[in-house]
Amino acid sequence: MCAAATDTDQHLIERFLDALWMEYGLSDNTLAAYRLDLTQLAGFLAAQGASLTSAQRAHILRYLGERMAQGLKARSAARLLSSVRRLYRYLVRENLLQTDPSRDIDMPRQGRKLPNALSERQVEALLAAPDTDQALGRRDRAMLEVMYATGLRVSELVALKLHQLNLRQGVVRIVGKGGRERLVPLGEEALSWLQAYLDTDRSRILDGRVSDFVFPSRRGASMTRQNFWYLIKRYARQADVPATLSPHGLRHAFATHLLNHGADLRVVQLLLGHSDLSTTQIYTHVARLRLKSLHAEHHPRG
């Protein structure tokens, strides 16, 4: 379906990505996703005898149609179209193009995907799963407690550094997506496990090595997201927690349980580091479903 993107188009893409990084401070992973989307589009256009600056609305529609015919889901197609739209807005803004060929293309319909939230009982079982007679088990318990207490993303948790902790005030400072900074309370239980781990177990795990990471591996490096996910899966099996648990399962539980106990949606938005309230609102659906289930189970006329 695709040829190689022309050098001219590839240069335009890199120029656009540089502008995104300068303006929004997007992560390397996000920029890589944009690069892949746009390079594939440019290759398709090259095979059609067109380019990013000569493409018409019909070219983009044809490209989206072919990708969806190959199995691209509506959610991924919407993300792809968002990348394309952002590129063309940039080209128009920089006077490299007069009109935006993507402007009148509708986003593909996509269903609302609800996160799977653990119950409070399941979370308690998961938190209790590590063997806290061992230094690594106490490290893992502290990690799980901190993640559930703060709602951090997995990437934020494994990259957490000592200077981000303020144990006296009981908060952690996070710089999230787009360079947005937030202060998140740790809570007494997480603070207790974290303090005990830092006092004794962290130095035992490092065994003389030096590291800035709060939760280092034995080599002193940060734990990878994949390694943390393997730990979660192992502890989920021990705790008899459903295998559908996602990598962000404790983050989802954090948000849902706060709402179940009456937290304000905007407070949850700030704690999660969401730039848009609509991203947080999905958790209100989860909370309502949970409350309906509890009502049906326990009310005499449920």
Protein backbone atom coordinates (compact mmCIF):
# COMPACT_ATOMS: atom_id res chain seq x y z
CA MET A 1 0.00 0.00 0.00
CA CYS A 2 2.84 2.40 0.87
CA ALA A 3 5.99 3.59 -0.83
CA ALA A 4 8.76 5.34 1.05
CA ALA A 5 8.04 8.90 2.12
CA THR A 6 9.86 11.47 0.01
CA ASP A 7 12.76 13.38 1.55
CA THR A 8 10.72 16.58 1.32
CA ASP A 9 7.78 15.08 3.22
CA GLN A 10 10.07 13.50 5.81
CA HIS A 11 11.70 16.89 6.37
CA LEU A 12 8.25 18.48 6.86
CA ILE A 13 7.33 15.79 9.39
CA GLU A 14 10.52 16.31 11.40
CA ARG A 15 10.02 20.08 11.33
CA PHE A 16 6.47 19.60 12.62
CA LEU A 17 7.66 17.24 15.39
CA ASP A 18 10.32 19.73 16.47
CA ALA A 19 7.62 22.39 16.74
CA LEU A 20 5.42 20.05 18.82
CA TRP A 21 8.28 19.29 21.17
CA MET A 22 9.16 22.98 21.58
CA GLU A 23 5.55 24.05 22.14
CA TYR A 24 4.14 21.21 24.21
CA GLY A 25 7.11 19.21 25.54
CA LEU A 26 5.60 15.94 24.31
CA SER A 27 7.28 12.69 25.35
CA ASP A 28 9.55 10.69 23.04
CA ASN A 29 6.90 7.95 22.84
CA THR A 30 4.21 10.42 21.74
CA LEU A 31 6.49 11.98 19.14
CA ALA A 32 7.42 8.52 17.84
CA ALA A 33 3.72 7.69 17.42
CA TYR A 34 3.19 10.92 15.43
CA ARG A 35 6.24 10.14 13.29
CA LEU A 36 4.99 6.64 12.46
CA ASP A 37 1.47 7.81 11.60
CA LEU A 38 2.64 10.64 9.36
CA THR A 39 5.46 8.73 7.67
CA GLN A 40 3.02 5.97 6.72
CA LEU A 41 0.60 8.56 5.33
CA ALA A 42 3.40 10.21 3.36
CA GLY A 43 4.42 6.82 1.93
CA PHE A 44 0.82 6.16 0.86
CA LEU A 45 0.63 9.57 -0.79
CA ALA A 46 3.93 8.98 -2.61
CA ALA A 47 2.51 5.77 -4.07
CA GLN A 48 -0.48 7.84 -5.28
CA GLY A 49 1.79 10.40 -6.92
CA ALA A 50 0.95 12.98 -4.27
CA SER A 51 2.66 14.53 -1.25
CA LEU A 52 1.71 15.99 2.12
CA THR A 53 1.38 19.46 0.62
CA SER A 54 -0.52 18.37 -2.52
CA ALA A 55 -2.88 15.88 -0.85
CA GLN A 56 -6.61 16.39 -1.22
CA ARG A 57 -9.43 15.38 1.08
CA ALA A 58 -10.06 12.32 -1.13
CA HIS A 59 -6.48 11.10 -0.60
CA ILE A 60 -6.82 11.17 3.18
CA LEU A 61 -10.24 9.52 3.09
CA ARG A 62 -8.87 6.77 0.84
CA TYR A 63 -5.94 6.23 3.19
CA LEU A 64 -8.17 5.98 6.26
CA GLY A 65 -10.52 3.64 4.39
CA GLU A 66 -7.69 1.30 3.41
CA ARG A 67 -6.25 1.26 6.93
CA MET A 68 -9.67 0.43 8.45
CA ALA A 69 -10.26 -2.26 5.82
CA GLN A 70 -7.01 -3.82 7.01
CA GLY A 71 -8.37 -3.98 10.56
CA LEU A 72 -7.53 -0.60 12.08
CA LYS A 73 -10.00 -0.03 14.93
CA ALA A 74 -12.08 3.13 15.22
CA ARG A 75 -10.12 4.29 18.26
CA SER A 76 -6.79 3.94 16.43
CA ALA A 77 -8.24 5.57 13.30
CA ALA A 78 -9.38 8.53 15.41
CA ARG A 79 -5.87 8.88 16.83
CA LEU A 80 -4.41 8.69 13.31
CA LEU A 81 -6.78 11.36 12.02
CA SER A 82 -5.91 13.54 15.02
CA SER A 83 -2.21 13.31 14.06
CA VAL A 84 -3.01 14.23 10.46
CA ARG A 85 -5.20 17.18 11.47
CA ARG A 86 -2.53 18.51 13.78
CA LEU A 87 0.06 18.35 11.01
CA TYR A 88 -2.15 20.21 8.55
CA ARG A 89 -3.07 22.90 11.08
CA TYR A 90 0.67 23.44 11.52
CA LEU A 91 1.31 23.63 7.76
CA VAL A 92 -1.47 26.20 7.32
CA ARG A 93 -0.25 28.22 10.29
CA GLU A 94 3.29 28.27 8.86
CA ASN A 95 1.95 29.40 5.45
CA LEU A 96 3.22 26.20 3.86
CA LEU A 97 -0.33 25.38 2.73
CA GLN A 98 -3.40 27.47 1.92
CA THR A 99 -6.15 25.04 2.91
CA ASP A 100 -6.40 22.09 5.28
CA PRO A 101 -7.53 18.94 3.40
CA SER A 102 -8.35 17.15 6.67
CA ARG A 103 -10.61 19.87 8.06
CA ASP A 104 -14.01 18.45 7.07
CA ILE A 105 -13.26 14.78 7.73
CA ASP A 106 -15.33 13.40 10.61
CA MET A 107 -13.77 11.36 13.36
CA PRO A 108 -14.65 7.64 13.21
CA ARG A 109 -17.29 6.64 15.74
CA GLN A 110 -15.79 4.85 18.71
CA GLY A 111 -17.40 3.23 21.71
CA ARG A 112 -16.54 4.43 25.17
CA LYS A 113 -14.08 1.99 26.67
CA LEU A 114 -14.52 1.73 30.42
CA PRO A 115 -11.46 0.84 32.48
CA ASN A 116 -11.67 -2.30 34.58
CA ALA A 117 -11.60 -1.10 38.18
CA LEU A 118 -10.72 -3.46 41.02
CA SER A 119 -13.00 -3.57 44.02
CA GLU A 120 -11.65 -2.29 47.33
CA ARG A 121 -11.44 -5.87 48.60
CA GLN A 122 -9.43 -6.93 45.53
CA VAL A 123 -7.05 -4.01 46.03
CA GLU A 124 -6.48 -5.00 49.65
CA ALA A 125 -5.67 -8.55 48.54
CA LEU A 126 -3.28 -7.29 45.86
CA LEU A 127 -1.48 -4.96 48.27
CA ALA A 128 -1.04 -7.79 50.76
CA ALA A 129 0.40 -10.22 48.18
CA PRO A 130 4.17 -9.32 48.35
CA ASP A 131 6.28 -11.25 50.85
CA THR A 132 7.13 -8.50 53.31
CA ASP A 133 9.63 -10.71 55.13
CA GLN A 134 11.98 -9.97 52.20
CA ALA A 135 13.56 -6.63 51.19
CA LEU A 136 12.31 -6.94 47.58
CA GLY A 137 8.85 -7.83 48.84
CA ARG A 138 8.80 -4.72 51.02
CA ARG A 139 9.94 -2.65 48.03
CA ASP A 140 7.11 -4.10 45.95
CA ARG A 141 4.57 -3.48 48.72
CA ALA A 142 5.73 0.14 48.95
CA MET A 143 5.40 0.52 45.16
CA LEU A 144 1.87 -0.88 45.14
CA GLU A 145 0.85 1.26 48.12
CA VAL A 146 2.25 4.41 46.52
CA MET A 147 0.55 3.69 43.19
CA TYR A 148 -2.84 3.09 44.80
CA ALA A 149 -2.49 6.10 47.11
CA THR A 150 -1.48 8.53 44.37
CA GLY A 151 -2.90 7.20 41.10
CA LEU A 152 0.45 7.61 39.36
CA ARG A 153 0.93 6.27 35.86
CA VAL A 154 3.21 3.23 35.70
CA SER A 155 5.81 5.30 33.82
CA GLU A 156 5.69 7.97 36.55
CA LEU A 157 6.05 5.40 39.32
CA VAL A 158 9.08 3.56 37.94
CA ALA A 159 10.82 6.86 37.05
CA LEU A 160 10.18 8.41 40.47
CA LYS A 161 13.30 10.00 41.99
CA LEU A 162 14.22 10.84 45.57
CA HIS A 163 14.09 14.61 45.06
CA GLN A 164 10.40 14.30 44.10
CA LEU A 165 9.47 13.07 47.58
CA ASN A 166 8.59 15.33 50.49
CA LEU A 167 8.03 12.87 53.30
CA ARG A 168 7.63 15.59 55.91
CA GLN A 169 4.64 17.02 54.05
CA GLY A 170 3.58 13.60 52.80
CA VAL A 171 3.44 14.53 49.12
CA VAL A 172 5.11 13.52 45.86
CA ARG A 173 5.84 15.98 43.05
CA ILE A 174 5.14 14.64 39.57
CA VAL A 175 5.93 16.16 36.20
CA GLY A 176 3.48 14.43 33.89
CA LYS A 177 2.48 14.61 30.24
CA GLY A 178 3.18 17.90 28.53
CA GLY A 179 5.47 18.97 31.39
CA ARG A 180 2.52 19.61 33.72
CA GLU A 181 3.49 19.47 37.39
CA ARG A 182 1.26 18.27 40.20
CA LEU A 183 1.58 17.57 43.93
CA VAL A 184 -0.15 14.39 45.09
CA PRO A 185 -0.69 13.37 48.73
CA LEU A 186 0.70 9.97 49.73
CA GLY A 187 -1.66 9.14 52.58
CA GLU A 188 -0.67 7.60 55.91
CA GLU A 189 -0.54 3.94 54.86
CA ALA A 190 1.58 4.49 51.74
CA LEU A 191 3.81 6.94 53.61
CA SER A 192 4.40 4.38 56.35
CA TRP A 193 5.43 1.61 53.91
CA LEU A 194 7.52 4.02 51.85
CA GLN A 195 9.37 5.39 54.87
CA ALA A 196 10.15 1.91 56.20
CA TYR A 197 11.43 0.82 52.78
CA LEU A 198 13.63 3.91 52.38
CA ASP A 199 15.06 3.56 55.89
CA THR A 200 16.40 0.02 55.44
CA ASP A 201 15.48 -1.98 52.34
CA ARG A 202 16.51 0.41 49.57
CA SER A 203 20.17 0.42 50.64
CA ARG A 204 20.13 -3.38 50.94
CA ILE A 205 18.80 -3.74 47.41
CA LEU A 206 21.41 -1.32 46.03
CA ASP A 207 24.22 -3.06 47.96
CA GLY A 208 26.59 -0.11 47.72
CA ARG A 209 25.47 1.15 44.33
CA VAL A 210 24.28 4.74 43.91
CA SER A 211 20.92 5.60 42.38
CA ASP A 212 18.50 8.54 42.36
CA PHE A 213 15.50 6.29 41.72
CA VAL A 214 13.12 5.65 44.59
CA PHE A 215 12.50 2.07 43.47
CA PRO A 216 15.72 0.90 41.78
CA SER A 217 16.50 -2.54 40.46
CA ARG A 218 19.41 -4.49 41.94
CA ARG A 219 21.64 -2.85 39.30
CA GLY A 220 20.66 0.63 40.47
CA ALA A 221 18.73 1.45 37.30
CA SER A 222 15.05 2.29 37.17
CA MET A 223 12.65 -0.62 36.93
CA THR A 224 11.12 -0.90 33.46
CA ARG A 225 7.37 -0.64 32.94
CA GLN A 226 7.43 -4.21 31.64
CA ASN A 227 9.14 -5.52 34.77
CA PHE A 228 6.65 -3.74 36.99
CA TRP A 229 3.83 -5.22 34.92
CA TYR A 230 5.27 -8.72 35.43
CA LEU A 231 5.29 -8.06 39.19
CA ILE A 232 1.66 -6.89 39.12
CA LYS A 233 0.58 -9.99 37.18
CA ARG A 234 2.41 -12.28 39.60
CA TYR A 235 0.86 -10.64 42.65
CA ALA A 236 -2.55 -10.60 40.98
CA ARG A 237 -2.34 -14.38 40.56
CA GLN A 238 -1.34 -14.79 44.20
CA ALA A 239 -4.21 -12.57 45.32
CA ASP A 240 -6.72 -14.28 42.99
CA VAL A 241 -7.39 -10.96 41.25
CA PRO A 242 -8.87 -11.25 37.71
CA ALA A 243 -6.38 -11.77 34.88
CA THR A 244 -8.00 -8.81 33.06
CA LEU A 245 -6.16 -6.45 35.40
CA SER A 246 -4.54 -3.75 33.26
CA PRO A 247 -1.11 -2.17 33.78
CA HIS A 248 -2.94 0.90 35.14
CA GLY A 249 -5.31 -1.17 37.28
CA LEU A 250 -4.37 0.56 40.53
CA ARG A 251 -4.60 3.99 38.86
CA HIS A 252 -8.13 3.14 37.71
CA ALA A 253 -9.00 1.86 41.19
CA PHE A 254 -7.59 5.04 42.76
CA ALA A 255 -9.89 7.25 40.67
CA THR A 256 -12.97 5.06 40.95
CA HIS A 257 -12.71 4.56 44.71
CA LEU A 258 -12.22 8.29 45.31
CA LEU A 259 -15.40 9.03 43.36
CA ASN A 260 -17.27 6.22 45.11
CA HIS A 261 -16.43 7.89 48.42
CA GLY A 262 -17.60 11.31 47.31
CA ALA A 263 -14.51 13.03 45.89
CA ASP A 264 -15.07 15.96 43.53
CA LEU A 265 -14.42 15.14 39.87
CA ARG A 266 -12.14 18.15 39.38
CA VAL A 267 -10.01 17.13 42.35
CA VAL A 268 -9.61 13.66 40.82
CA GLN A 269 -8.69 15.33 37.51
CA LEU A 270 -5.89 17.29 39.23
CA LEU A 271 -4.61 14.23 41.08
CA LEU A 272 -4.51 12.13 37.90
CA GLY A 273 -2.83 14.90 35.92
CA HIS A 274 -5.50 15.00 33.20
CA SER A 275 -5.43 18.20 31.13
CA ASP A 276 -9.07 17.76 30.07
CA LEU A 277 -11.95 17.02 32.44
CA SER A 278 -13.61 14.86 29.77
CA THR A 279 -10.76 12.34 30.19
CA THR A 280 -11.58 12.03 33.89
CA GLN A 281 -15.33 11.81 33.35
CA ILE A 282 -15.05 8.21 32.14
CA TYR A 283 -14.52 7.24 35.79
CA THR A 284 -17.92 8.62 36.76
CA HIS A 285 -19.44 5.93 34.52
CA VAL A 286 -17.41 3.25 36.29
CA ALA A 287 -18.40 4.60 39.70
CA ARG A 288 -22.10 4.70 38.76
CA LEU A 289 -21.99 1.11 37.49
CA ARG A 290 -20.34 0.03 40.76
CA LEU A 291 -22.96 1.85 42.85
CA LYS A 292 -25.77 0.26 40.81
CA SER A 293 -24.25 -3.16 41.39
CA LEU A 294 -23.96 -2.54 45.14
CA HIS A 295 -27.55 -1.29 45.27
CA ALA A 296 -28.85 -4.35 43.41
CA GLU A 297 -26.88 -6.67 45.69
CA HIS A 298 -27.71 -5.16 49.06
CA HIS A 299 -30.99 -3.24 48.82
CA PRO A 300 -34.05 -5.32 49.81
CA ARG A 301 -35.85 -4.16 46.67
CA GLY A 302 -32.74 -4.16 44.46
